[in-house]
PDB file of N, CA and C in Angstrom:
ATOM      1  N   MET A   1      32.065 -10.320 -10.633  1.00  0.00           N
ATOM      2  CA  MET A   1      32.147 -11.553 -11.154  1.00  0.00           C
ATOM      3  C   MET A   1      32.626 -12.937 -10.781  1.00  0.00           C
ATOM      4  N   ASN A   2      33.798 -12.942  -9.945  1.00  0.00           N
ATOM      5  CA  ASN A   2      34.307 -13.735  -9.100  1.00  0.00           C
ATOM      6  C   ASN A   2      33.328 -14.221  -8.082  1.00  0.00           C
ATOM      7  N   ASN A   3      33.020 -13.434  -7.473  1.00  0.00           N
ATOM      8  CA  ASN A   3      31.720 -13.774  -6.523  1.00  0.00           C
ATOM      9  C   ASN A   3      30.635 -14.222  -6.791  1.00  0.00           C
ATOM     10  N   THR A   4      30.132 -13.842  -7.800  1.00  0.00           N
ATOM     11  CA  THR A   4      29.125 -14.563  -9.076  1.00  0.00           C
ATOM     12  C   THR A   4      29.357 -15.975  -9.005  1.00  0.00           C
ATOM     13  N   ALA A   5      30.256 -16.052  -9.918  1.00  0.00           N
ATOM     14  CA  ALA A   5      30.821 -17.349 -10.393  1.00  0.00           C
ATOM     15  C   ALA A   5      30.895 -18.362  -9.296  1.00  0.00           C
ATOM     16  N   GLY A   6      31.479 -17.907  -8.193  1.00  0.00           N
ATOM     17  CA  GLY A   6      31.900 -18.892  -6.538  1.00  0.00           C
ATOM     18  C   GLY A   6      30.813 -19.228  -6.275  1.00  0.00           C
ATOM     19  N   ILE A   7      29.691 -18.131  -5.967  1.00  0.00           N
ATOM     20  CA  ILE A   7      28.659 -18.665  -5.466  1.00  0.00           C
ATOM     21  C   ILE A   7      27.954 -19.687  -6.275  1.00  0.00           C
ATOM     22  N   LEU A   8      27.889 -19.473  -7.460  1.00  0.00           N
ATOM     23  CA  LEU A   8      27.091 -20.348  -8.630  1.00  0.00           C
ATOM     24  C   LEU A   8      27.804 -21.703  -8.307  1.00  0.00           C
ATOM     25  N   ILE A   9      29.091 -21.888  -7.980  1.00  0.00           N
ATOM     26  CA  ILE A   9      29.872 -23.105  -8.056  1.00  0.00           C
ATOM     27  C   ILE A   9      29.493 -23.831  -6.977  1.00  0.00           C
ATOM     28  N   ILE A  10      29.346 -22.899  -5.570  1.00  0.00           N
ATOM     29  CA  ILE A  10      29.326 -23.635  -4.329  1.00  0.00           C
ATOM     30  C   ILE A  10      27.708 -24.209  -4.245  1.00  0.00           C
ATOM     31  N   SER A  11      26.658 -23.222  -4.786  1.00  0.00           N
ATOM     32  CA  SER A  11      25.563 -23.546  -5.009  1.00  0.00           C
ATOM     33  C   SER A  11      25.040 -24.957  -5.807  1.00  0.00           C
ATOM     34  N   ILE A  12      26.021 -25.247  -6.396  1.00  0.00           N
ATOM     35  CA  ILE A  12      25.846 -26.462  -7.149  1.00  0.00           C
ATOM     36  C   ILE A  12      26.806 -27.524  -6.443  1.00  0.00           C
ATOM     37  N   GLY A  13      27.592 -27.337  -5.537  1.00  0.00           N
ATOM     38  CA  GLY A  13      28.244 -28.379  -4.619  1.00  0.00           C
ATOM     39  C   GLY A  13      27.243 -28.663  -3.535  1.00  0.00           C
ATOM     40  N   VAL A  14      26.546 -27.426  -3.089  1.00  0.00           N
ATOM     41  CA  VAL A  14      25.453 -27.967  -1.656  1.00  0.00           C
ATOM     42  C   VAL A  14      24.488 -29.012  -2.463  1.00  0.00           C
ATOM     43  N   LEU A  15      24.059 -28.402  -3.642  1.00  0.00           N
ATOM     44  CA  LEU A  15      22.803 -29.566  -4.465  1.00  0.00           C
ATOM     45  C   LEU A  15      23.270 -30.835  -4.282  1.00  0.00           C
ATOM     46  N   PHE A  16      24.573 -31.058  -4.984  1.00  0.00           N
ATOM     47  CA  PHE A  16      25.176 -32.318  -5.019  1.00  0.00           C
ATOM     48  C   PHE A  16      25.339 -32.690  -3.523  1.00  0.00           C
ATOM     49  N   ASP A  17      25.838 -32.155  -2.638  1.00  0.00           N
ATOM     50  CA  ASP A  17      25.921 -32.614  -1.329  1.00  0.00           C
ATOM     51  C   ASP A  17      24.351 -33.084  -0.655  1.00  0.00           C
ATOM     52  N   LEU A  18      23.558 -32.244  -1.108  1.00  0.00           N
ATOM     53  CA  LEU A  18      21.953 -32.526  -0.610  1.00  0.00           C
ATOM     54  C   LEU A  18      21.583 -34.160  -1.329  1.00  0.00           C
ATOM     55  N   ILE A  19      21.924 -34.378  -2.350  1.00  0.00           N
ATOM     56  CA  ILE A  19      21.593 -35.368  -3.188  1.00  0.00           C
ATOM     57  C   ILE A  19      22.093 -36.466  -2.642  1.00  0.00           C
ATOM     58  N   GLY A  20      23.456 -36.453  -2.155  1.00  0.00           N
ATOM     59  CA  GLY A  20      24.206 -37.477  -1.382  1.00  0.00           C
ATOM     60  C   GLY A  20      23.466 -37.695  -0.253  1.00  0.00           C
ATOM     61  N   CYS A  21      22.964 -36.687   0.365  1.00  0.00           N
ATOM     62  CA  CYS A  21      22.429 -37.057   1.695  1.00  0.00           C
ATOM     63  C   CYS A  21      20.887 -37.860   1.626  1.00  0.00           C
ATOM     64  N   ILE A  22      20.489 -37.424   0.538  1.00  0.00           N
ATOM     65  CA  ILE A  22      19.114 -38.317   0.467  1.00  0.00           C
ATOM     66  C   ILE A  22      19.255 -39.634  -0.028  1.00  0.00           C
ATOM     67  N   GLY A  23      20.720 -39.769  -0.840  1.00  0.00           N
ATOM     68  CA  GLY A  23      20.941 -41.007  -0.871  1.00  0.00           C
ATOM     69  C   GLY A  23      21.351 -41.965   0.228  1.00  0.00           C
ATOM     70  N   LEU A  24      21.570 -41.660   0.934  1.00  0.00           N
ATOM     71  CA  LEU A  24      21.905 -42.271   2.380  1.00  0.00           C
ATOM     72  C   LEU A  24      21.018 -42.726   3.053  1.00  0.00           C
ATOM     73  N   ILE A  25      19.630 -41.619   2.842  1.00  0.00           N
ATOM     74  CA  ILE A  25      18.368 -42.265   3.490  1.00  0.00           C
ATOM     75  C   ILE A  25      17.636 -43.025   2.451  1.00  0.00           C
ATOM     76  N   ARG A  26      17.570 -43.202   1.251  1.00  0.00           N
ATOM     77  CA  ARG A  26      16.687 -43.745   0.308  1.00  0.00           C
ATOM     78  C   ARG A  26      17.170 -44.997  -0.149  1.00  0.00           C
ATOM     79  N   MET A  27      18.478 -45.320  -0.290  1.00  0.00           N
ATOM     80  CA  MET A  27      19.038 -46.269  -0.709  1.00  0.00           C
ATOM     81  C   MET A  27      18.711 -47.676   0.227  1.00  0.00           C
ATOM     82  N   PRO A  28      18.806 -48.650  -0.217  1.00  0.00           N
ATOM     83  CA  PRO A  28      18.388 -50.005   0.262  1.00  0.00           C
ATOM     84  C   PRO A  28      19.248 -50.934   1.379  1.00  0.00           C
ATOM     85  N   ASP A  29      20.554 -50.832   0.789  1.00  0.00           N
ATOM     86  CA  ASP A  29      21.823 -51.623   1.430  1.00  0.00           C
ATOM     87  C   ASP A  29      22.812 -50.689   1.503  1.00  0.00           C
ATOM     88  N   ILE A  30      23.835 -51.076   2.337  1.00  0.00           N
ATOM     89  CA  ILE A  30      24.968 -50.462   2.587  1.00  0.00           C
ATOM     90  C   ILE A  30      25.941 -50.145   1.219  1.00  0.00           C
ATOM     91  N   TYR A  31      25.967 -51.134   0.341  1.00  0.00           N
ATOM     92  CA  TYR A  31      26.457 -51.017  -1.033  1.00  0.00           C
ATOM     93  C   TYR A  31      25.991 -49.476  -1.768  1.00  0.00           C
ATOM     94  N   ASN A  32      24.623 -49.776  -2.083  1.00  0.00           N
ATOM     95  CA  ASN A  32      24.262 -48.612  -2.730  1.00  0.00           C
ATOM     96  C   ASN A  32      24.090 -47.089  -1.773  1.00  0.00           C
ATOM     97  N   ARG A  33      24.329 -47.317  -0.857  1.00  0.00           N
ATOM     98  CA  ARG A  33      24.409 -46.102   0.176  1.00  0.00           C
ATOM     99  C   ARG A  33      25.570 -45.648  -0.064  1.00  0.00           C
ATOM    100  N   LEU A  34      26.718 -46.419  -0.037  1.00  0.00           N
ATOM    101  CA  LEU A  34      27.862 -46.132   0.017  1.00  0.00           C
ATOM    102  C   LEU A  34      28.332 -45.501  -1.481  1.00  0.00           C
ATOM    103  N   GLN A  35      27.656 -46.059  -2.671  1.00  0.00           N
ATOM    104  CA  GLN A  35      27.949 -45.472  -4.061  1.00  0.00           C
ATOM    105  C   GLN A  35      27.315 -44.054  -4.171  1.00  0.00           C
ATOM    106  N   ALA A  36      26.007 -43.723  -3.564  1.00  0.00           N
ATOM    107  CA  ALA A  36      25.264 -42.962  -3.806  1.00  0.00           C
ATOM    108  C   ALA A  36      26.071 -41.542  -2.879  1.00  0.00           C
ATOM    109  N   SER A  37      26.316 -41.825  -1.576  1.00  0.00           N
ATOM    110  CA  SER A  37      26.964 -41.008  -0.960  1.00  0.00           C
ATOM    111  C   SER A  37      28.467 -40.592  -1.400  1.00  0.00           C
ATOM    112  N   THR A  38      29.187 -41.541  -1.947  1.00  0.00           N
ATOM    113  CA  THR A  38      30.758 -41.036  -2.006  1.00  0.00           C
ATOM    114  C   THR A  38      30.694 -40.346  -3.421  1.00  0.00           C
ATOM    115  N   LYS A  39      29.932 -40.698  -4.239  1.00  0.00           N
ATOM    116  CA  LYS A  39      29.811 -39.935  -5.851  1.00  0.00           C
ATOM    117  C   LYS A  39      29.478 -38.562  -5.356  1.00  0.00           C
ATOM    118  N   CYS A  40      28.495 -38.342  -4.873  1.00  0.00           N
ATOM    119  CA  CYS A  40      27.723 -36.993  -4.676  1.00  0.00           C
ATOM    120  C   CYS A  40      28.284 -36.294  -3.673  1.00  0.00           C
ATOM    121  N   VAL A  41      28.880 -36.893  -2.720  1.00  0.00           N
ATOM    122  CA  VAL A  41      29.473 -35.901  -1.702  1.00  0.00           C
ATOM    123  C   VAL A  41      30.970 -35.582  -2.418  1.00  0.00           C
ATOM    124  N   THR A  42      31.368 -36.610  -2.926  1.00  0.00           N
ATOM    125  CA  THR A  42      32.798 -36.303  -3.252  1.00  0.00           C
ATOM    126  C   THR A  42      32.639 -34.938  -4.270  1.00  0.00           C
ATOM    127  N   LEU A  43      31.969 -35.059  -5.070  1.00  0.00           N
ATOM    128  CA  LEU A  43      31.660 -34.235  -6.322  1.00  0.00           C
ATOM    129  C   LEU A  43      30.859 -32.726  -5.446  1.00  0.00           C
ATOM    130  N   GLY A  44      30.167 -33.139  -4.751  1.00  0.00           N
ATOM    131  CA  GLY A  44      29.733 -31.830  -4.037  1.00  0.00           C
ATOM    132  C   GLY A  44      30.798 -31.031  -3.107  1.00  0.00           C
ATOM    133  N   THR A  45      31.265 -31.962  -2.493  1.00  0.00           N
ATOM    134  CA  THR A  45      32.519 -30.913  -1.579  1.00  0.00           C
ATOM    135  C   THR A  45      33.637 -30.239  -2.499  1.00  0.00           C
ATOM    136  N   CYS A  46      33.942 -31.166  -3.420  1.00  0.00           N
ATOM    137  CA  CYS A  46      35.088 -30.695  -4.416  1.00  0.00           C
ATOM    138  C   CYS A  46      34.233 -29.290  -5.004  1.00  0.00           C
ATOM    139  N   MET A  47      33.451 -29.107  -5.650  1.00  0.00           N
ATOM    140  CA  MET A  47      32.495 -27.910  -5.994  1.00  0.00           C
ATOM    141  C   MET A  47      32.692 -27.004  -5.206  1.00  0.00           C
ATOM    142  N   ILE A  48      32.385 -27.269  -3.672  1.00  0.00           N
ATOM    143  CA  ILE A  48      32.337 -26.159  -2.756  1.00  0.00           C
ATOM    144  C   ILE A  48      33.681 -25.735  -2.665  1.00  0.00           C
ATOM    145  N   LEU A  49      34.813 -26.692  -2.609  1.00  0.00           N
ATOM    146  CA  LEU A  49      36.037 -26.064  -2.373  1.00  0.00           C
ATOM    147  C   LEU A  49      36.414 -25.409  -3.879  1.00  0.00           C
ATOM    148  N   LEU A  50      36.090 -25.836  -4.963  1.00  0.00           N
ATOM    149  CA  LEU A  50      36.427 -25.045  -6.008  1.00  0.00           C
ATOM    150  C   LEU A  50      35.828 -23.789  -6.046  1.00  0.00           C
ATOM    151  N   GLY A  51      34.723 -23.459  -5.452  1.00  0.00           N
ATOM    152  CA  GLY A  51      33.887 -22.097  -5.363  1.00  0.00           C
ATOM    153  C   GLY A  51      34.849 -21.195  -4.564  1.00  0.00           C
ATOM    154  N   ALA A  52      35.281 -21.804  -3.117  1.00  0.00           N
ATOM    155  CA  ALA A  52      36.021 -21.014  -2.506  1.00  0.00           C
ATOM    156  C   ALA A  52      37.191 -20.718  -3.180  1.00  0.00           C
ATOM    157  N   MET A  53      37.989 -21.390  -3.899  1.00  0.00           N
ATOM    158  CA  MET A  53      38.938 -21.279  -4.770  1.00  0.00           C
ATOM    159  C   MET A  53      38.824 -20.185  -5.877  1.00  0.00           C
ATOM    160  N   VAL A  54      37.657 -20.065  -6.265  1.00  0.00           N
ATOM    161  CA  VAL A  54      37.312 -18.982  -7.241  1.00  0.00           C
ATOM    162  C   VAL A  54      37.087 -17.724  -6.266  1.00  0.00           C
ATOM    163  N   MET A  55      36.334 -17.571  -5.341  1.00  0.00           N
ATOM    164  CA  MET A  55      36.308 -16.546  -4.267  1.00  0.00           C
ATOM    165  C   MET A  55      37.274 -15.915  -3.604  1.00  0.00           C
ATOM    166  N   ALA A  56      38.316 -17.029  -3.588  1.00  0.00           N
ATOM    167  CA  ALA A  56      39.505 -16.643  -2.626  1.00  0.00           C
ATOM    168  C   ALA A  56      40.207 -15.400  -3.277  1.00  0.00           C
ATOM    169  N   ALA A  57      40.388 -14.415  -1.877  1.00  0.00           N
ATOM    170  CA  ALA A  57      41.174 -13.283  -2.299  1.00  0.00           C
ATOM    171  C   ALA A  57      42.928 -13.402  -2.157  1.00  0.00           C
ATOM    172  N   THR A  58      43.465 -14.664  -1.540  1.00  0.00           N
ATOM    173  CA  THR A  58      44.735 -14.782  -1.306  1.00  0.00           C
ATOM    174  C   THR A  58      45.020 -15.973  -1.776  1.00  0.00           C
ATOM    175  N   THR A  59      46.548 -16.018  -2.085  1.00  0.00           N
ATOM    176  CA  THR A  59      47.213 -17.206  -2.569  1.00  0.00           C
ATOM    177  C   THR A  59      47.002 -18.455  -1.507  1.00  0.00           C
ATOM    178  N   ALA A  60      47.197 -18.141  -0.236  1.00  0.00           N
ATOM    179  CA  ALA A  60      47.417 -18.911   0.659  1.00  0.00           C
ATOM    180  C   ALA A  60      45.929 -20.031   0.673  1.00  0.00           C
ATOM    181  N   ALA A  61      44.713 -19.263   0.529  1.00  0.00           N
ATOM    182  CA  ALA A  61      43.196 -19.741   0.546  1.00  0.00           C
ATOM    183  C   ALA A  61      42.959 -20.467  -0.685  1.00  0.00           C
ATOM    184  N   VAL A  62      43.741 -20.311  -1.854  1.00  0.00           N
ATOM    185  CA  VAL A  62      43.505 -21.011  -2.888  1.00  0.00           C
ATOM    186  C   VAL A  62      44.393 -22.345  -2.941  1.00  0.00           C
ATOM    187  N   TRP A  63      45.651 -22.225  -2.359  1.00  0.00           N
ATOM    188  CA  TRP A  63      46.361 -23.390  -2.031  1.00  0.00           C
ATOM    189  C   TRP A  63      46.045 -24.409  -1.127  1.00  0.00           C
ATOM    190  N   LYS A  64      45.234 -23.750  -0.109  1.00  0.00           N
ATOM    191  CA  LYS A  64      44.668 -24.662   0.998  1.00  0.00           C
ATOM    192  C   LYS A  64      43.606 -25.378   0.401  1.00  0.00           C
ATOM    193  N   SER A  65      42.697 -24.737  -0.339  1.00  0.00           N
ATOM    194  CA  SER A  65      41.461 -25.376  -0.933  1.00  0.00           C
ATOM    195  C   SER A  65      41.887 -26.446  -1.716  1.00  0.00           C
ATOM    196  N   ALA A  66      43.063 -25.999  -2.641  1.00  0.00           N
ATOM    197  CA  ALA A  66      43.188 -27.229  -3.900  1.00  0.00           C
ATOM    198  C   ALA A  66      43.875 -28.552  -2.937  1.00  0.00           C
ATOM    199  N   LEU A  67      44.623 -28.394  -1.980  1.00  0.00           N
ATOM    200  CA  LEU A  67      45.174 -29.408  -1.067  1.00  0.00           C
ATOM    201  C   LEU A  67      43.906 -29.990  -0.475  1.00  0.00           C
ATOM    202  N   CYS A  68      43.131 -29.583   0.042  1.00  0.00           N
ATOM    203  CA  CYS A  68      41.785 -30.167   0.699  1.00  0.00           C
ATOM    204  C   CYS A  68      41.183 -30.946  -0.376  1.00  0.00           C
ATOM    205  N   LEU A  69      40.918 -30.252  -1.637  1.00  0.00           N
ATOM    206  CA  LEU A  69      40.322 -30.662  -2.722  1.00  0.00           C
ATOM    207  C   LEU A  69      40.996 -32.085  -3.237  1.00  0.00           C
ATOM    208  N   LEU A  70      42.277 -32.187  -3.433  1.00  0.00           N
ATOM    209  CA  LEU A  70      42.812 -33.480  -3.819  1.00  0.00           C
ATOM    210  C   LEU A  70      42.813 -34.414  -2.527  1.00  0.00           C
ATOM    211  N   PHE A  71      42.816 -34.113  -1.455  1.00  0.00           N
ATOM    212  CA  PHE A  71      42.949 -35.001  -0.278  1.00  0.00           C
ATOM    213  C   PHE A  71      41.541 -35.775  -0.557  1.00  0.00           C
ATOM    214  N   ILE A  72      40.399 -34.868  -0.692  1.00  0.00           N
ATOM    215  CA  ILE A  72      38.920 -35.788  -0.830  1.00  0.00           C
ATOM    216  C   ILE A  72      39.109 -36.678  -2.074  1.00  0.00           C
ATOM    217  N   VAL A  73      39.602 -36.037  -3.100  1.00  0.00           N
ATOM    218  CA  VAL A  73      39.511 -36.910  -4.244  1.00  0.00           C
ATOM    219  C   VAL A  73      40.228 -38.401  -4.153  1.00  0.00           C
ATOM    220  N   ILE A  74      41.185 -38.170  -3.354  1.00  0.00           N
ATOM    221  CA  ILE A  74      42.022 -39.409  -2.943  1.00  0.00           C
ATOM    222  C   ILE A  74      41.455 -40.032  -2.195  1.00  0.00           C
ATOM    223  N   THR A  75      41.086 -39.748  -0.782  1.00  0.00           N
ATOM    224  CA  THR A  75      40.666 -40.596   0.273  1.00  0.00           C
ATOM    225  C   THR A  75      38.859 -41.033   0.486  1.00  0.00           C
ATOM    226  N   ALA A  76      38.365 -40.175  -0.284  1.00  0.00           N
ATOM    227  CA  ALA A  76      36.944 -40.741  -0.338  1.00  0.00           C
ATOM    228  C   ALA A  76      36.619 -41.681  -0.995  1.00  0.00           C
ATOM    229  N   PRO A  77      37.062 -41.938  -1.980  1.00  0.00           N
ATOM    230  CA  PRO A  77      36.681 -43.261  -2.917  1.00  0.00           C
ATOM    231  C   PRO A  77      37.367 -44.564  -2.282  1.00  0.00           C
ATOM    232  N   THR A  78      38.636 -44.302  -1.675  1.00  0.00           N
ATOM    233  CA  THR A  78      39.501 -45.174  -1.472  1.00  0.00           C
ATOM    234  C   THR A  78      38.923 -45.754   0.365  1.00  0.00           C
ATOM    235  N   ALA A  79      38.258 -44.800   0.945  1.00  0.00           N
ATOM    236  CA  ALA A  79      37.431 -45.184   2.112  1.00  0.00           C
ATOM    237  C   ALA A  79      36.240 -45.887   1.642  1.00  0.00           C
ATOM    238  N   ALA A  80      35.544 -45.429   0.704  1.00  0.00           N
ATOM    239  CA  ALA A  80      34.151 -46.134   0.577  1.00  0.00           C
ATOM    240  C   ALA A  80      34.695 -47.621  -0.131  1.00  0.00           C
ATOM    241  N   HIS A  81      35.486 -47.683  -0.794  1.00  0.00           N
ATOM    242  CA  HIS A  81      36.101 -49.262  -1.244  1.00  0.00           C
ATOM    243  C   HIS A  81      36.351 -50.127  -0.280  1.00  0.00           C
ATOM    244  N   SER A  82      37.056 -49.497   0.721  1.00  0.00           N
ATOM    245  CA  SER A  82      37.565 -50.409   1.845  1.00  0.00           C
ATOM    246  C   SER A  82      36.085 -50.567   3.070  1.00  0.00           C
ATOM    247  N   LEU A  83      35.321 -49.452   3.067  1.00  0.00           N
ATOM    248  CA  LEU A  83      34.139 -50.011   3.643  1.00  0.00           C
ATOM    249  C   LEU A  83      33.295 -51.240   2.960  1.00  0.00           C
ATOM    250  N   ALA A  84      33.004 -50.967   1.917  1.00  0.00           N
ATOM    251  CA  ALA A  84      32.397 -51.937   0.924  1.00  0.00           C
ATOM    252  C   ALA A  84      33.012 -53.219   1.264  1.00  0.00           C
ATOM    253  N   ARG A  85      34.091 -53.453   1.080  1.00  0.00           N
ATOM    254  CA  ARG A  85      34.676 -54.636   1.015  1.00  0.00           C
ATOM    255  C   ARG A  85      34.911 -55.152   2.407  1.00  0.00           C
ATOM    256  N   GLY A  86      34.865 -54.247   3.393  1.00  0.00           N
ATOM    257  CA  GLY A  86      35.018 -54.929   4.795  1.00  0.00           C
ATOM    258  C   GLY A  86      33.468 -55.064   5.206  1.00  0.00           C
ATOM    259  N   ALA A  87      32.619 -54.826   4.663  1.00  0.00           N
ATOM    260  CA  ALA A  87      31.190 -55.292   4.916  1.00  0.00           C
ATOM    261  C   ALA A  87      30.769 -56.576   3.971  1.00  0.00           C
ATOM    262  N   TYR A  88      31.456 -56.643   2.776  1.00  0.00           N
ATOM    263  CA  TYR A  88      31.153 -57.847   2.210  1.00  0.00           C
ATOM    264  C   TYR A  88      31.764 -58.904   2.680  1.00  0.00           C
ATOM    265  N   ARG A  89      32.969 -58.754   3.330  1.00  0.00           N
ATOM    266  CA  ARG A  89      33.624 -59.719   3.749  1.00  0.00           C
ATOM    267  C   ARG A  89      33.275 -60.187   5.092  1.00  0.00           C
ATOM    268  N   SER A  90      32.420 -59.220   5.918  1.00  0.00           N
ATOM    269  CA  SER A  90      32.079 -59.531   7.250  1.00  0.00           C
ATOM    270  C   SER A  90      30.365 -60.284   7.205  1.00  0.00           C
ATOM    271  N   GLY A  91      30.039 -60.367   5.695  1.00  0.00           N
ATOM    272  CA  GLY A  91      28.942 -61.153   5.641  1.00  0.00           C
ATOM    273  C   GLY A  91      27.605 -60.160   5.552  1.00  0.00           C
ATOM    274  N   VAL A  92      27.809 -59.097   5.366  1.00  0.00           N
ATOM    275  CA  VAL A  92      26.601 -58.369   5.093  1.00  0.00           C
ATOM    276  C   VAL A  92      26.098 -58.189   3.679  1.00  0.00           C
ATOM    277  N   LYS A  93      24.811 -58.874   3.675  1.00  0.00           N
ATOM    278  CA  LYS A  93      24.213 -58.918   2.504  1.00  0.00           C
ATOM    279  C   LYS A  93      23.887 -58.316   1.703  1.00  0.00           C
ATOM    280  N   LEU A  94      23.872 -58.274   0.346  1.00  0.00           N
ATOM    281  CA  LEU A  94      23.262 -57.375  -0.896  1.00  0.00           C
ATOM    282  C   LEU A  94      21.887 -57.339  -0.752  1.00  0.00           C
ATOM    283  N   TRP A  95      21.525 -56.198  -1.122  1.00  0.00           N
ATOM    284  CA  TRP A  95      19.946 -56.047  -1.331  1.00  0.00           C
ATOM    285  C   TRP A  95      19.160 -57.262  -2.045  1.00  0.00           C
ATOM    286  N   SER A  96      18.316 -57.647  -1.763  1.00  0.00           N
ATOM    287  CA  SER A  96      17.744 -58.845  -2.441  1.00  0.00           C
ATOM    288  C   SER A  96      17.627 -58.755  -3.864  1.00  0.00           C
ATOM    289  N   LYS A  97      17.329 -57.406  -4.339  1.00  0.00           N
ATOM    290  CA  LYS A  97      16.932 -57.042  -5.746  1.00  0.00           C
ATOM    291  C   LYS A  97      18.264 -56.784  -6.649  1.00  0.00           C
ATOM    292  N   SER A  98      19.224 -56.831  -5.762  1.00  0.00           N
ATOM    293  CA  SER A  98      20.566 -56.886  -6.588  1.00  0.00           C
ATOM    294  C   SER A  98      20.572 -57.539  -7.953  1.00  0.00           C
ATOM    295  N   VAL A  99      21.381 -57.034  -9.134  1.00  0.00           N
ATOM    296  CA  VAL A  99      21.267 -57.867 -10.362  1.00  0.00           C
ATOM    297  C   VAL A  99      22.609 -58.538 -10.210  1.00  0.00           C
ATOM    298  N   ALA A 100      23.450 -58.341  -9.856  1.00  0.00           N
ATOM    299  CA  ALA A 100      24.903 -58.972  -9.830  1.00  0.00           C
ATOM    300  C   ALA A 100      25.678 -58.888  -8.650  1.00  0.00           C
ATOM    301  N   ASP A 101      26.527 -59.968  -8.253  1.00  0.00           N
ATOM    302  CA  ASP A 101      27.622 -59.645  -7.348  1.00  0.00           C
ATOM    303  C   ASP A 101      28.886 -60.114  -7.905  1.00  0.00           C
ATOM    304  N   GLN A 102      29.350 -58.949  -8.251  1.00  0.00           N
ATOM    305  CA  GLN A 102      31.017 -58.982  -9.299  1.00  0.00           C
ATOM    306  C   GLN A 102      31.563 -59.395  -8.331  1.00  0.00           C
ATOM    307  N   TYR A 103      31.921 -59.271  -7.156  1.00  0.00           N
ATOM    308  CA  TYR A 103      32.853 -59.668  -6.248  1.00  0.00           C
ATOM    309  C   TYR A 103      33.206 -61.213  -6.159  1.00  0.00           C
ATOM    310  N   ALA A 104      32.216 -61.528  -5.893  1.00  0.00           N
ATOM    311  CA  ALA A 104      32.063 -63.338  -5.911  1.00  0.00           C
ATOM    312  C   ALA A 104      32.116 -63.828  -7.136  1.00  0.00           C
ATOM    313  N   GLU A 105      31.691 -63.171  -8.356  1.00  0.00           N
ATOM    314  CA  GLU A 105      32.050 -63.683  -9.451  1.00  0.00           C
ATOM    315  C   GLU A 105      33.758 -63.518  -9.807  1.00  0.00           C
ATOM    316  N   ASP A 106      34.319 -62.597  -9.408  1.00  0.00           N
ATOM    317  CA  ASP A 106      35.598 -62.314  -9.429  1.00  0.00           C
ATOM    318  C   ASP A 106      36.318 -63.457  -8.659  1.00  0.00           C
ATOM    319  N   GLN A 107      35.994 -64.062  -7.206  1.00  0.00           N
ATOM    320  CA  GLN A 107      36.532 -64.851  -6.487  1.00  0.00           C
ATOM    321  C   GLN A 107      36.649 -66.174  -7.033  1.00  0.00           C
ATOM    322  N   SER A 108      35.814 -66.493  -7.899  1.00  0.00           N
ATOM    323  CA  SER A 108      35.683 -68.157  -8.395  1.00  0.00           C
ATOM    324  C   SER A 108      36.529 -68.079  -9.654  1.00  0.00           C
TER     325      SER A 108
END
C-alpha cells in the first residue's frame, strides 16, 4: 500500500514539475515565467519528496526528505521574489499586455 501511494504522489509531483517546465517555455516575460515555475516546481518537488517519505523504509530517509521539503518551501518563493525584484529594478519591462504594475503603484 505504501509503495502504491508513494508512486501516485510522486507521479503527481512529476506532473506539476512538467507543467512548471512548460510554463518556463510558454510564458512571455520573466515575471510570468517566475510565477509559473516557482509555484509548479515548488509544489511538484514537494510532492516528490512527500512520496519519498511515504515510501521510505527508514526514519533517517523520512527526516532527510522532510528537511529538504522545508528548505524548498522556504527558499524557492524567496529566491523567486528576489529575482523578480532585481529584474524590475534593473529595468526589465513587463509584458506589453500586462494588466497592472502593482510594484509601481506601491512606490508612488
